Each structure stands twice: as C-alpha cells, then as structure tokens.
N, C-alpha and C. Protein backbone atom coordinates (compact mmCIF):
# COMPACT_ATOMS: atom_id res chain seq x y z
N MET A 1 227.39 107.37 144.03
CA MET A 1 226.30 107.49 143.62
C MET A 1 225.05 106.36 144.28
N GLN A 2 225.31 105.28 144.72
CA GLN A 2 224.61 104.52 145.45
C GLN A 2 223.99 105.24 146.86
N ALA A 3 224.78 106.26 147.51
CA ALA A 3 224.92 106.52 148.78
C ALA A 3 223.56 107.78 148.30
N ALA A 4 223.99 108.36 147.49
CA ALA A 4 222.55 109.52 147.29
C ALA A 4 221.39 108.97 146.81
N LEU A 5 221.36 107.97 146.77
CA LEU A 5 219.71 107.18 146.61
C LEU A 5 219.07 106.99 147.77
N PRO A 6 217.62 107.57 147.45
CA PRO A 6 216.96 107.18 148.73
C PRO A 6 216.55 105.33 149.13
N LEU A 7 216.30 104.69 150.15
CA LEU A 7 215.87 103.65 151.01
C LEU A 7 215.50 103.14 149.49
N GLN A 8 215.72 102.07 148.91
CA GLN A 8 214.58 101.15 147.86
C GLN A 8 214.46 100.23 149.05
N PRO A 9 213.01 99.97 149.21
CA PRO A 9 212.39 98.97 149.95
C PRO A 9 212.41 97.54 149.00
N TRP A 10 211.81 96.66 149.30
CA TRP A 10 211.89 95.23 147.84
C TRP A 10 210.26 94.80 148.58
N HIS A 11 209.82 94.75 147.47
CA HIS A 11 208.30 94.51 147.57
C HIS A 11 207.66 93.25 146.74
N LEU A 12 206.73 92.49 146.92
CA LEU A 12 206.09 91.24 146.24
C LEU A 12 204.54 91.84 145.84
N GLY A 13 204.38 92.10 144.99
CA GLY A 13 202.82 92.03 144.38
C GLY A 13 202.22 90.91 143.36
N ALA A 14 201.05 90.97 143.52
CA ALA A 14 200.23 90.26 142.25
C ALA A 14 198.79 90.69 142.55
N VAL A 15 198.65 90.90 140.74
CA VAL A 15 197.51 91.63 140.66
C VAL A 15 196.43 90.01 139.48
N LEU A 16 195.55 89.53 140.05
CA LEU A 16 194.83 88.35 140.03
C LEU A 16 193.29 88.85 139.32
N THR A 17 193.29 88.10 138.58
CA THR A 17 191.77 88.42 137.78
C THR A 17 191.51 87.11 136.85
N GLY A 18 190.50 87.17 136.14
CA GLY A 18 190.17 85.82 134.85
C GLY A 18 189.80 84.78 135.81
N ALA A 19 190.27 83.78 135.03
CA ALA A 19 190.20 82.13 135.48
C ALA A 19 191.24 81.59 136.31
N TRP A 20 191.28 81.15 137.77
CA TRP A 20 191.93 80.82 138.08
C TRP A 20 192.49 79.86 137.85
N ARG A 21 191.76 79.22 137.68
CA ARG A 21 191.73 76.83 137.11
C ARG A 21 190.47 77.43 136.29
N PRO A 22 190.64 77.05 134.94
CA PRO A 22 189.63 76.93 134.27
C PRO A 22 188.96 75.45 133.88
N ALA A 23 187.92 76.53 133.22
CA ALA A 23 186.91 74.67 133.36
C ALA A 23 187.37 73.38 132.77
N GLY A 24 187.14 72.23 132.94
CA GLY A 24 187.69 71.44 132.32
C GLY A 24 187.32 69.79 133.44
N TRP A 25 187.58 68.73 133.31
CA TRP A 25 187.09 67.37 133.77
C TRP A 25 187.10 67.86 135.12
N ALA A 26 188.09 68.49 135.66
CA ALA A 26 187.84 68.42 137.26
C ALA A 26 186.58 69.43 138.14
N GLY A 27 186.44 69.69 136.89
CA GLY A 27 184.82 71.30 137.41
C GLY A 27 184.75 72.12 136.67
N ALA A 28 183.88 73.04 137.36
CA ALA A 28 183.93 74.28 136.63
C ALA A 28 184.96 74.92 136.61
N MET A 29 185.11 76.20 136.01
CA MET A 29 185.95 77.15 136.28
C MET A 29 185.80 78.07 137.28
N GLU A 30 186.83 78.58 138.09
CA GLU A 30 186.97 78.78 139.32
C GLU A 30 187.88 80.24 139.20
N PRO A 31 187.45 81.75 139.51
CA PRO A 31 187.56 82.50 139.14
C PRO A 31 188.35 83.07 140.22
N ALA A 32 189.57 84.02 139.84
CA ALA A 32 190.40 84.48 140.81
C ALA A 32 190.01 85.47 141.76
N SER A 33 190.17 85.17 143.30
CA SER A 33 189.78 85.71 144.09
C SER A 33 190.61 86.39 145.39
N TRP A 34 189.63 87.14 146.34
CA TRP A 34 190.63 87.90 147.55
C TRP A 34 191.03 86.54 148.32
N GLN A 35 190.82 85.55 147.78
CA GLN A 35 191.02 84.16 149.13
C GLN A 35 191.94 83.91 148.20
N HIS A 36 192.62 84.40 146.86
CA HIS A 36 194.34 83.77 146.36
C HIS A 36 195.33 84.59 146.79
N ALA A 37 194.34 85.83 146.32
CA ALA A 37 195.44 86.85 147.07
C ALA A 37 196.33 87.08 148.57
N LEU A 38 195.22 86.09 149.59
CA LEU A 38 195.14 86.17 150.88
C LEU A 38 196.30 84.73 150.72
N ALA A 39 196.21 83.85 150.35
CA ALA A 39 196.80 82.53 150.16
C ALA A 39 198.29 83.04 149.40
N PHE A 40 198.54 83.77 148.44
CA PHE A 40 199.50 84.18 147.95
C PHE A 40 200.61 84.91 149.00
N ALA A 41 200.11 85.65 150.02
CA ALA A 41 200.86 86.26 151.33
C ALA A 41 200.87 85.04 152.44
N ASP A 42 199.85 84.18 152.14
CA ASP A 42 200.42 83.08 153.10
C ASP A 42 201.67 82.33 152.50
N VAL A 43 201.51 81.62 151.24
CA VAL A 43 203.05 80.74 151.30
C VAL A 43 203.64 81.76 151.33
N ALA A 44 203.96 83.23 150.99
CA ALA A 44 205.24 84.05 151.07
C ALA A 44 205.65 84.07 152.84
N ALA A 45 204.65 84.17 153.03
CA ALA A 45 205.02 84.06 154.78
C ALA A 45 205.89 83.26 155.26
N ALA A 46 205.01 81.88 154.66
CA ALA A 46 205.16 80.50 155.31
C ALA A 46 206.66 79.98 154.75
N ALA A 47 207.34 80.59 153.59
CA ALA A 47 208.08 80.11 153.19
C ALA A 47 209.58 80.35 154.11
N ALA A 48 209.20 81.79 154.62
CA ALA A 48 210.05 82.03 155.80
C ALA A 48 209.76 81.76 157.42
N GLY A 49 208.76 80.92 157.22
CA GLY A 49 208.59 80.60 158.36
C GLY A 49 207.83 81.22 159.86
N VAL A 50 207.02 82.30 159.05
CA VAL A 50 206.22 82.50 160.07
C VAL A 50 204.89 82.75 159.41
N THR A 51 203.86 83.39 160.70
CA THR A 51 202.44 82.93 160.11
C THR A 51 201.65 84.32 159.96
N VAL A 52 200.70 85.03 159.24
CA VAL A 52 200.11 86.14 158.66
C VAL A 52 198.90 86.03 159.73
N ARG A 53 198.42 87.28 160.15
CA ARG A 53 197.14 87.56 160.94
C ARG A 53 196.35 88.46 160.18
N ARG A 54 195.26 88.23 160.12
CA ARG A 54 195.02 89.57 158.94
C ARG A 54 193.17 90.45 159.77
N LEU A 55 193.88 91.28 159.44
CA LEU A 55 192.48 92.34 160.00
C LEU A 55 192.05 93.39 159.04
N ALA A 56 190.66 93.32 159.26
CA ALA A 56 190.06 94.57 158.04
C ALA A 56 190.34 95.54 157.94
N ASP A 57 191.06 96.34 157.11
CA ASP A 57 191.47 97.00 157.03
C ASP A 57 190.71 98.43 155.75
N ASP A 58 191.56 100.09 155.54
CA ASP A 58 191.29 101.25 154.73
C ASP A 58 192.17 101.39 153.79
N HIS A 59 192.27 100.79 153.05
CA HIS A 59 193.74 101.12 152.53
C HIS A 59 193.93 101.37 151.15
N ALA A 60 194.09 101.99 150.04
CA ALA A 60 194.14 102.95 148.88
C ALA A 60 195.16 101.41 147.91
N PRO A 61 195.43 101.34 146.90
CA PRO A 61 194.03 101.37 146.27
C PRO A 61 193.07 100.13 146.45
N PHE A 62 192.45 99.31 147.76
CA PHE A 62 192.08 99.13 147.63
C PHE A 62 190.49 98.80 147.89
N HIS A 63 189.83 98.18 147.99
CA HIS A 63 188.09 98.37 148.11
C HIS A 63 188.02 98.88 149.85
N PRO A 64 187.76 99.58 150.25
CA PRO A 64 187.71 100.08 151.80
C PRO A 64 187.16 99.18 152.54
N GLY A 65 185.85 97.71 151.91
CA GLY A 65 185.01 97.17 152.79
C GLY A 65 185.58 95.97 152.69
N ARG A 66 186.94 95.26 151.52
CA ARG A 66 187.33 94.47 150.86
C ARG A 66 189.10 94.29 151.06
N CYS A 67 189.22 94.79 152.00
CA CYS A 67 190.86 94.88 152.13
C CYS A 67 191.30 93.92 153.89
N ALA A 68 192.46 93.62 153.65
CA ALA A 68 193.17 92.95 155.02
C ALA A 68 194.47 93.51 154.96
N LYS A 69 194.42 94.04 156.04
CA LYS A 69 196.09 94.48 157.01
C LYS A 69 196.63 93.40 157.23
N LEU A 70 197.83 92.72 156.52
CA LEU A 70 198.63 91.46 157.02
C LEU A 70 199.52 91.55 157.74
N LEU A 71 199.65 91.10 159.05
CA LEU A 71 200.68 91.18 159.86
C LEU A 71 201.24 89.90 160.75
N VAL A 72 202.90 90.22 160.75
CA VAL A 72 203.48 88.90 160.80
C VAL A 72 204.25 89.40 162.39
N PRO A 73 204.19 87.77 163.17
CA PRO A 73 205.44 88.46 164.58
C PRO A 73 206.73 88.86 164.25
N GLY A 74 206.80 90.02 164.66
CA GLY A 74 208.27 90.56 164.58
C GLY A 74 209.15 90.09 166.03
N VAL A 75 210.51 90.31 165.62
CA VAL A 75 211.68 89.39 166.50
C VAL A 75 211.92 90.28 168.29
N ASP A 76 210.54 91.43 168.22
CA ASP A 76 210.53 91.25 169.86
C ASP A 76 209.37 90.76 170.14
N GLY A 77 208.38 90.14 169.26
CA GLY A 77 207.32 89.90 170.16
C GLY A 77 205.99 90.58 169.58
N THR A 78 206.29 91.95 168.49
CA THR A 78 205.08 92.60 168.68
C THR A 78 204.65 92.32 167.10
N GLU A 79 203.45 92.97 166.68
CA GLU A 79 203.05 92.49 165.31
C GLU A 79 203.99 93.46 164.02
N VAL A 80 204.22 93.30 163.34
CA VAL A 80 205.05 94.08 162.34
C VAL A 80 204.04 94.30 160.80
N LEU A 81 203.90 95.30 160.52
CA LEU A 81 202.78 95.37 158.90
C LEU A 81 203.52 94.57 157.98
N PHE A 82 202.77 93.31 157.98
CA PHE A 82 203.57 93.08 156.11
C PHE A 82 203.21 93.31 154.64
N GLY A 83 202.13 93.63 155.05
CA GLY A 83 201.67 94.17 153.46
C GLY A 83 199.80 94.31 153.46
N HIS A 84 199.29 94.28 152.46
CA HIS A 84 197.93 94.17 152.19
C HIS A 84 197.76 93.25 151.20
N ALA A 85 196.10 92.82 151.57
CA ALA A 85 195.64 92.08 150.27
C ALA A 85 194.08 92.21 150.55
N GLY A 86 193.41 92.19 148.77
CA GLY A 86 191.77 92.46 149.08
C GLY A 86 191.70 93.05 147.56
N GLU A 87 190.36 92.86 147.27
CA GLU A 87 189.75 93.27 146.14
C GLU A 87 190.72 94.89 145.94
N LEU A 88 190.71 95.59 144.52
CA LEU A 88 190.89 96.58 144.39
C LEU A 88 189.93 97.49 144.08
N HIS A 89 189.81 98.84 144.27
CA HIS A 89 188.31 99.41 144.34
C HIS A 89 187.75 99.44 142.97
N PRO A 90 186.81 99.37 142.99
CA PRO A 90 185.87 99.84 141.84
C PRO A 90 186.54 101.09 140.83
N LEU A 91 186.99 102.46 141.23
CA LEU A 91 187.29 103.01 140.62
C LEU A 91 188.84 102.65 139.62
N VAL A 92 189.67 101.89 140.90
CA VAL A 92 190.80 101.52 140.02
C VAL A 92 191.03 100.82 139.25
N CYS A 93 189.86 99.71 138.98
CA CYS A 93 189.28 98.73 137.98
C CYS A 93 189.26 99.59 136.87
N ARG A 94 188.20 100.28 136.87
CA ARG A 94 187.97 101.19 135.97
C ARG A 94 189.01 101.91 135.60
N ALA A 95 190.31 102.64 136.11
CA ALA A 95 190.83 103.56 135.17
C ALA A 95 192.09 102.67 134.83
N PHE A 96 192.38 101.24 135.05
CA PHE A 96 193.49 100.68 134.43
C PHE A 96 192.49 99.79 133.41
N GLY A 97 191.38 99.58 133.52
CA GLY A 97 190.55 99.09 132.59
C GLY A 97 190.79 97.26 132.90
N LEU A 98 190.71 97.13 134.32
CA LEU A 98 191.02 95.99 135.16
C LEU A 98 189.48 95.35 135.16
N PRO A 99 189.30 94.15 135.08
CA PRO A 99 187.68 93.44 135.02
C PRO A 99 187.14 93.76 136.72
N SER A 100 186.07 94.41 137.07
CA SER A 100 185.66 94.55 138.24
C SER A 100 185.73 93.39 139.15
N ARG A 101 185.89 93.55 140.35
CA ARG A 101 186.45 92.45 141.70
C ARG A 101 187.95 91.88 141.30
N THR A 102 188.39 93.19 140.54
CA THR A 102 190.29 91.89 140.15
C THR A 102 190.52 92.37 141.74
N ALA A 103 191.32 91.30 141.91
CA ALA A 103 191.97 91.23 143.46
C ALA A 103 193.61 91.31 143.17
N ALA A 104 194.55 92.09 144.62
CA ALA A 104 195.82 92.32 144.62
C ALA A 104 196.05 92.42 145.46
N VAL A 105 197.53 91.67 145.96
CA VAL A 105 198.54 91.78 147.37
C VAL A 105 199.86 92.05 146.96
N GLU A 106 200.32 92.92 147.91
CA GLU A 106 201.68 93.49 148.28
C GLU A 106 202.06 93.30 148.86
N VAL A 107 203.24 92.90 149.18
CA VAL A 107 204.29 92.51 151.10
C VAL A 107 204.86 93.02 150.83
N SER A 108 206.23 93.17 151.60
CA SER A 108 207.42 93.82 152.35
C SER A 108 208.13 92.46 152.08
N LEU A 109 209.06 92.37 150.82
CA LEU A 109 209.74 91.36 151.52
C LEU A 109 211.62 91.71 152.57
N ASP A 110 211.41 92.93 152.37
CA ASP A 110 212.04 93.68 153.60
C ASP A 110 211.73 93.15 155.03
N VAL A 111 210.31 93.01 155.56
CA VAL A 111 210.36 92.71 156.49
C VAL A 111 210.63 91.28 156.67
N LEU A 112 209.75 90.22 155.55
CA LEU A 112 210.09 88.88 155.43
C LEU A 112 211.30 88.55 156.23
N VAL A 113 212.33 89.21 155.19
CA VAL A 113 213.43 88.77 155.77
C VAL A 113 214.27 88.93 157.22
N GLU A 114 213.48 90.38 157.57
CA GLU A 114 213.87 90.84 158.81
C GLU A 114 213.26 89.85 160.48
N VAL A 115 212.25 89.18 159.86
CA VAL A 115 211.18 88.02 160.67
C VAL A 115 211.17 86.75 160.55
N ALA A 116 212.23 86.84 159.66
CA ALA A 116 212.58 85.22 159.46
C ALA A 116 213.08 84.39 160.59
N PRO A 117 212.49 83.62 161.26
CA PRO A 117 213.47 82.85 162.28
C PRO A 117 215.21 82.39 161.89
N GLY A 118 215.90 82.14 162.40
CA GLY A 118 217.28 82.04 161.92
C GLY A 118 217.05 80.38 161.52
N PRO A 119 218.94 79.99 160.90
CA PRO A 119 218.75 78.99 160.70
C PRO A 119 218.21 78.27 161.51
N GLY A 120 218.06 76.85 160.82
CA GLY A 120 218.22 75.71 161.58
C GLY A 120 216.37 75.59 162.47
N SER A 121 215.85 76.31 162.08
CA SER A 121 214.38 76.75 162.75
C SER A 121 213.11 75.55 162.21
N ILE A 122 213.84 75.05 160.92
CA ILE A 122 212.59 74.47 159.89
C ILE A 122 212.02 72.94 160.32
N ALA A 123 211.18 72.65 161.13
CA ALA A 123 210.70 71.49 161.56
C ALA A 123 210.96 70.38 160.53
N PRO A 124 210.79 68.73 161.12
CA PRO A 124 210.97 68.10 159.95
C PRO A 124 209.64 67.63 159.56
N LEU A 125 209.63 66.60 158.43
CA LEU A 125 208.25 66.49 157.96
C LEU A 125 207.90 65.24 158.54
N SER A 126 206.45 65.18 158.76
CA SER A 126 206.17 63.93 159.22
C SER A 126 205.74 62.98 158.20
N PRO A 127 206.63 61.98 158.87
CA PRO A 127 205.82 60.40 157.38
C PRO A 127 204.24 60.39 157.81
N HIS A 128 203.55 60.63 159.22
CA HIS A 128 202.12 60.39 159.36
C HIS A 128 201.11 61.11 158.31
N PRO A 129 199.96 60.98 158.15
CA PRO A 129 199.05 61.22 157.24
C PRO A 129 198.28 62.12 158.10
N VAL A 130 197.95 63.25 157.04
CA VAL A 130 197.74 65.03 157.50
C VAL A 130 196.02 64.53 158.07
N ALA A 131 195.17 64.72 158.52
CA ALA A 131 193.58 64.54 159.31
C ALA A 131 193.06 66.06 158.46
N LYS A 132 191.99 66.03 157.89
CA LYS A 132 191.68 67.25 157.48
C LYS A 132 190.07 67.40 157.94
N GLU A 133 190.12 68.55 158.62
CA GLU A 133 188.51 69.06 159.05
C GLU A 133 187.94 70.56 158.98
N ASP A 134 187.20 70.24 158.43
CA ASP A 134 186.40 71.88 158.21
C ASP A 134 185.42 72.22 159.01
N VAL A 135 185.46 73.51 159.34
CA VAL A 135 184.48 74.46 160.24
C VAL A 135 183.80 75.66 159.90
N ALA A 136 182.24 75.56 159.73
CA ALA A 136 182.08 77.02 159.41
C ALA A 136 181.41 77.78 160.32
N LEU A 137 181.46 78.85 161.06
CA LEU A 137 181.37 79.35 161.85
C LEU A 137 180.26 80.90 161.69
N VAL A 138 179.61 81.05 162.26
CA VAL A 138 178.87 82.21 162.13
C VAL A 138 178.72 83.30 163.51
N VAL A 139 179.62 84.34 162.82
CA VAL A 139 179.83 85.28 163.66
C VAL A 139 179.34 86.78 163.32
N ASP A 140 179.28 87.81 164.16
CA ASP A 140 178.86 89.41 163.76
C ASP A 140 180.09 89.79 162.65
N GLU A 141 179.14 90.54 162.04
CA GLU A 141 180.03 91.49 160.71
C GLU A 141 181.13 91.47 161.30
N SER A 142 181.04 92.56 162.57
CA SER A 142 182.63 93.31 162.81
C SER A 142 183.57 92.41 163.55
N VAL A 143 183.81 91.53 162.96
CA VAL A 143 184.59 90.25 163.81
C VAL A 143 185.67 90.14 162.35
N SER A 144 186.68 90.36 162.61
CA SER A 144 187.51 89.96 161.19
C SER A 144 187.59 88.15 161.30
N ALA A 145 188.09 88.26 159.98
CA ALA A 145 188.20 86.41 159.52
C ALA A 145 189.71 86.38 159.98
N GLY A 146 190.55 87.36 160.14
CA GLY A 146 191.87 86.73 161.41
C GLY A 146 191.73 86.63 162.24
N GLU A 147 190.75 87.22 162.81
CA GLU A 147 190.55 87.25 164.58
C GLU A 147 190.22 85.87 164.79
N VAL A 148 188.91 85.52 164.13
CA VAL A 148 188.39 83.72 164.17
C VAL A 148 189.43 83.09 163.88
N GLN A 149 190.42 83.32 163.04
CA GLN A 149 191.12 81.86 162.76
C GLN A 149 192.25 82.04 163.86
N THR A 150 192.46 83.04 164.45
CA THR A 150 193.64 83.30 165.60
C THR A 150 193.04 82.18 166.98
N ALA A 151 192.29 82.94 167.03
CA ALA A 151 191.13 81.57 168.10
C ALA A 151 191.43 80.56 167.96
N LEU A 152 191.09 79.83 166.76
CA LEU A 152 190.94 77.92 166.28
C LEU A 152 192.25 78.29 166.39
N ALA A 153 193.05 78.85 165.90
CA ALA A 153 194.54 77.81 166.31
C ALA A 153 195.30 77.99 167.53
N GLU A 154 194.51 78.53 167.93
CA GLU A 154 195.28 78.62 169.74
C GLU A 154 194.21 77.65 170.64
N GLY A 155 192.66 77.68 170.28
CA GLY A 155 192.24 76.28 170.51
C GLY A 155 192.81 74.89 170.21
N ALA A 156 193.11 75.27 168.92
CA ALA A 156 193.82 73.78 168.04
C ALA A 156 194.35 73.13 168.90
N GLY A 157 195.49 74.22 169.46
CA GLY A 157 196.91 73.37 170.28
C GLY A 157 198.02 72.96 169.22
N ASP A 158 198.52 71.90 169.72
CA ASP A 158 200.16 71.67 169.07
C ASP A 158 199.73 70.55 167.61
N LEU A 159 198.72 70.14 167.72
CA LEU A 159 198.46 69.18 166.51
C LEU A 159 197.92 69.61 164.90
N LEU A 160 197.37 71.04 165.40
CA LEU A 160 197.17 71.96 164.06
C LEU A 160 198.56 72.37 163.59
N GLU A 161 198.11 71.91 162.11
CA GLU A 161 199.24 71.97 161.06
C GLU A 161 199.61 73.20 160.48
N SER A 162 198.68 73.37 159.92
CA SER A 162 197.65 74.38 159.38
C SER A 162 196.37 74.25 159.19
N ILE A 163 195.89 76.28 158.58
CA ILE A 163 194.89 76.59 159.24
C ILE A 163 194.48 77.89 157.68
N ARG A 164 193.33 77.79 156.80
CA ARG A 164 193.36 78.47 155.85
C ARG A 164 191.25 78.48 155.77
N LEU A 165 191.35 79.83 155.87
CA LEU A 165 189.91 80.55 155.14
C LEU A 165 189.67 80.11 153.83
N PHE A 166 188.39 79.15 153.35
CA PHE A 166 188.46 79.23 152.12
C PHE A 166 186.89 79.62 151.83
N ASP A 167 186.07 80.19 152.96
CA ASP A 167 184.86 80.77 152.05
C ASP A 167 184.13 81.60 153.03
N VAL A 168 183.58 82.98 152.93
CA VAL A 168 182.65 83.96 153.60
C VAL A 168 181.13 83.72 152.71
N TYR A 169 180.31 83.47 153.36
CA TYR A 169 179.23 83.81 152.94
C TYR A 169 178.21 84.65 154.17
N ARG A 170 177.68 85.11 153.48
CA ARG A 170 176.60 86.57 154.04
C ARG A 170 175.11 86.08 153.09
N GLY A 171 173.91 85.68 153.98
CA GLY A 171 173.03 85.67 153.52
C GLY A 171 171.81 85.31 153.98
N THR A 172 170.70 84.36 152.68
CA THR A 172 169.79 84.25 153.99
C THR A 172 169.63 83.08 155.16
N GLN A 173 170.53 82.20 154.72
CA GLN A 173 170.85 81.10 155.90
C GLN A 173 171.79 81.91 156.77
N VAL A 174 171.97 83.13 157.09
CA VAL A 174 172.92 83.41 158.28
C VAL A 174 172.01 84.77 159.07
N PRO A 175 171.78 85.24 159.92
CA PRO A 175 171.50 86.50 160.50
C PRO A 175 171.75 87.47 160.16
N GLU A 176 170.93 88.51 159.92
CA GLU A 176 171.70 89.68 159.26
C GLU A 176 172.17 90.13 160.22
N GLY A 177 173.73 90.85 159.46
CA GLY A 177 174.54 91.59 160.67
C GLY A 177 175.97 90.58 160.79
N ALA A 178 175.41 89.24 160.24
CA ALA A 178 176.82 88.39 160.71
C ALA A 178 177.02 87.76 159.35
N LYS A 179 178.09 86.93 159.99
CA LYS A 179 178.68 86.23 158.29
C LYS A 179 178.87 84.70 158.65
N SER A 180 178.81 83.92 157.71
CA SER A 180 178.96 82.55 157.95
C SER A 180 181.01 82.50 157.73
N LEU A 181 182.01 82.38 158.46
CA LEU A 181 183.26 81.87 157.83
C LEU A 181 183.56 80.63 157.76
N ALA A 182 183.88 79.81 156.80
CA ALA A 182 184.49 78.38 156.88
C ALA A 182 186.34 78.05 156.78
N PHE A 183 186.51 77.45 157.48
CA PHE A 183 187.85 77.25 157.73
C PHE A 183 188.20 75.51 157.66
N GLY A 184 189.53 75.58 156.82
CA GLY A 184 190.20 74.62 156.27
C GLY A 184 191.21 74.33 157.76
N LEU A 185 190.77 72.76 158.50
CA LEU A 185 191.88 72.72 159.17
C LEU A 185 192.88 71.02 159.12
N ARG A 186 193.77 71.01 159.25
CA ARG A 186 194.88 70.15 159.21
C ARG A 186 195.36 69.82 160.29
N PHE A 187 195.47 68.25 160.76
CA PHE A 187 195.96 68.13 162.07
C PHE A 187 196.74 66.97 161.59
N ARG A 188 198.36 66.92 162.39
CA ARG A 188 199.22 65.90 162.21
C ARG A 188 199.79 65.57 163.38
N ALA A 189 200.67 64.51 163.87
CA ALA A 189 201.19 64.44 164.70
C ALA A 189 202.76 63.92 164.13
N ALA A 190 204.20 64.58 164.59
CA ALA A 190 205.04 64.15 164.06
C ALA A 190 205.44 62.80 164.36
N ASP A 191 204.90 62.11 165.78
CA ASP A 191 205.42 60.47 165.79
C ASP A 191 204.27 59.35 165.46
N ARG A 192 203.12 59.69 165.31
CA ARG A 192 202.41 59.22 164.94
C ARG A 192 201.08 59.48 164.18
N THR A 193 200.33 58.62 164.10
CA THR A 193 198.74 58.21 163.56
C THR A 193 197.72 58.74 164.05
N LEU A 194 197.48 59.78 163.80
CA LEU A 194 196.05 60.53 164.81
C LEU A 194 194.88 59.77 164.84
N LYS A 195 194.37 59.34 165.87
CA LYS A 195 193.09 58.97 166.46
C LYS A 195 192.25 59.53 166.04
N ASP A 196 190.60 59.18 165.65
CA ASP A 196 189.87 59.52 165.37
C ASP A 196 189.39 60.63 166.34
N ALA A 197 189.47 60.60 167.79
CA ALA A 197 188.98 60.85 169.13
C ALA A 197 190.21 62.18 168.98
N GLU A 198 191.37 62.08 168.94
CA GLU A 198 192.33 62.90 168.70
C GLU A 198 192.26 64.07 168.02
N ILE A 199 191.46 63.87 166.71
CA ILE A 199 191.64 64.94 166.25
C ILE A 199 190.09 65.45 166.03
N ALA A 200 188.76 64.92 166.98
CA ALA A 200 187.70 65.39 167.28
C ALA A 200 188.03 66.27 168.71
N ALA A 201 188.84 65.79 169.33
CA ALA A 201 189.13 66.74 170.19
C ALA A 201 189.66 68.08 170.16
N ALA A 202 190.59 67.69 169.30
CA ALA A 202 191.64 69.49 168.51
C ALA A 202 190.60 70.33 168.16
N ARG A 203 189.85 69.66 167.18
CA ARG A 203 188.59 70.34 166.13
C ARG A 203 187.59 70.83 167.46
N ASP A 204 187.02 70.27 168.08
CA ASP A 204 185.94 70.58 169.05
C ASP A 204 186.62 71.56 169.84
N ALA A 205 188.04 71.88 170.31
CA ALA A 205 189.01 73.01 171.47
C ALA A 205 188.55 73.86 170.75
N ALA A 206 189.18 74.42 169.15
CA ALA A 206 189.16 75.11 168.35
C ALA A 206 187.78 75.99 168.22
N VAL A 207 187.06 75.76 167.68
CA VAL A 207 185.88 76.48 167.90
C VAL A 207 185.32 76.29 169.37
N ALA A 208 185.36 75.43 170.47
CA ALA A 208 185.52 75.78 171.49
C ALA A 208 185.59 77.45 172.00
N GLU A 209 186.92 78.19 171.55
CA GLU A 209 187.61 78.87 172.14
C GLU A 209 187.57 80.13 170.94
N ALA A 210 186.93 79.44 169.66
CA ALA A 210 185.68 81.12 168.96
C ALA A 210 184.76 81.27 169.49
N VAL A 211 184.05 80.26 170.34
CA VAL A 211 182.26 80.16 170.94
C VAL A 211 183.29 81.31 172.04
N ARG A 212 183.84 81.14 172.74
CA ARG A 212 184.52 81.85 173.83
C ARG A 212 184.86 83.14 173.43
N ALA A 213 185.70 83.35 172.63
CA ALA A 213 186.12 84.67 172.35
C ALA A 213 185.51 85.61 171.36
N PHE A 214 184.30 85.30 170.88
CA PHE A 214 183.38 86.05 170.04
C PHE A 214 182.02 85.44 169.71
N GLY A 215 181.46 84.63 170.41
CA GLY A 215 179.99 84.00 170.66
C GLY A 215 180.19 83.63 169.59
N ALA A 216 180.59 82.40 168.69
CA ALA A 216 180.77 81.84 167.14
C ALA A 216 179.52 81.09 167.44
N VAL A 217 178.67 81.00 166.65
CA VAL A 217 177.85 79.33 166.63
C VAL A 217 178.50 78.94 164.93
N GLN A 218 178.59 77.60 165.09
CA GLN A 218 179.00 76.70 164.62
C GLN A 218 177.78 76.32 163.83
N ARG A 219 178.02 76.22 161.85
CA ARG A 219 176.55 75.99 161.49
C ARG A 219 176.94 73.91 160.73
N ALA A 220 176.11 73.69 160.77
CA ALA A 220 175.94 72.23 160.65
C ALA A 220 176.56 72.03 159.30
C-alpha cells in the first residue's frame, strides 16, 4: 500500500490574524501581520541553522503585491525555494470568512532537512552582551526588503549575529515611488564585549553596502 502512494511532502504552515499581543500594561494591542509570518519562517529556518532570503513574488493564495518568496542556501551553493509568506488575497479572506489582511506562511520541512548543516555545526553561545542597532533606509519601491537585508548582512561582517526587518513605511516622509525599510541589527563577539567604535563601524559598513548596491538613503 505504501509503495502505491505518491510522494507525501511535509509542510509547516500558519494563518495569523487577530491580536498577536493583546493590549495591556506593556502597551497597545499589536495586530498579527505579515511581519509575524516572515518571522515564523525565519525561526523555522534558524532551527536548522540556515538563513532565509526574501524576494517579492506573485503566488496564490497570497496578495500579489504582499507576498514574499522564501529562499535558503542549498547544499550545492545554489538557492532552494523554502516557501512563501505574506498577506492572503482579499478574495481568499472573503471565501473563508477571514478578516481582511490576514497573513499566512507555508514552508517545506523536506527542504529544511535537506539543506540543514551536518552535526556539530552549532556555534557556541557567547557570554558577552549583544549590541542592538536600528537602521532605516529609503530605497526604490522595486527593491525588495530581502535584497536590502542581504546587502546589510554582507556589509556588516562577522560581528553581525542577526538581522530583522521590523517596519516598512510608505508615506509623506519618503519620496513617491520609494519606501522606508527599518531593520534591527544585533552585533556580538564570541571573545569580548564590543566597543562602541566597533559597533558603529560594523553598522556603518552595513549601511554603506546598501548604499552602494541600491542607492539607499539612511533616514535620521
């Protein structure tokens, strides 16, 4: 019987709507959004020791303008499709009785197992404190957040522990046809506490690479 079955791929998915964090002493209610869907994929990939790169995509059942294709590095050095994340299409939301702007994510566990590094690849935890830096960059609308994130990571160098997109802004404070992308960068060294000058140099090098690659302009 098992031999007669077609290939049964393993997938992991989530649909996100409503309050991600309810209102309380910590602040106002935070609605679930596409950012949490992307973070879901990032956490899944990080558990296997790989990093996700995001590119804009048009993939059903997602909103064509609010969908990201998720790529991870394959064993042969090429990128492999890991999944998709973003906001569901309004017609899909209406068909299933979901609130507008409901977000979703679907990733392939088969791909994750295939690309995961072998045993012994987990880096030791550093006992030294992490340094947090936020940068907001204005780029052309055609430039994806994933491309900017990759440039920042390349420029930041080995001291960069993690990078996360936490805001996308389009409005009166940026030129028409452009958007502002805000990233949180975390820096840490394995053998020492980083000095302010080292942190500033790594942050500035990250921004410089985004400027070189995409003509990004840093917001104050």
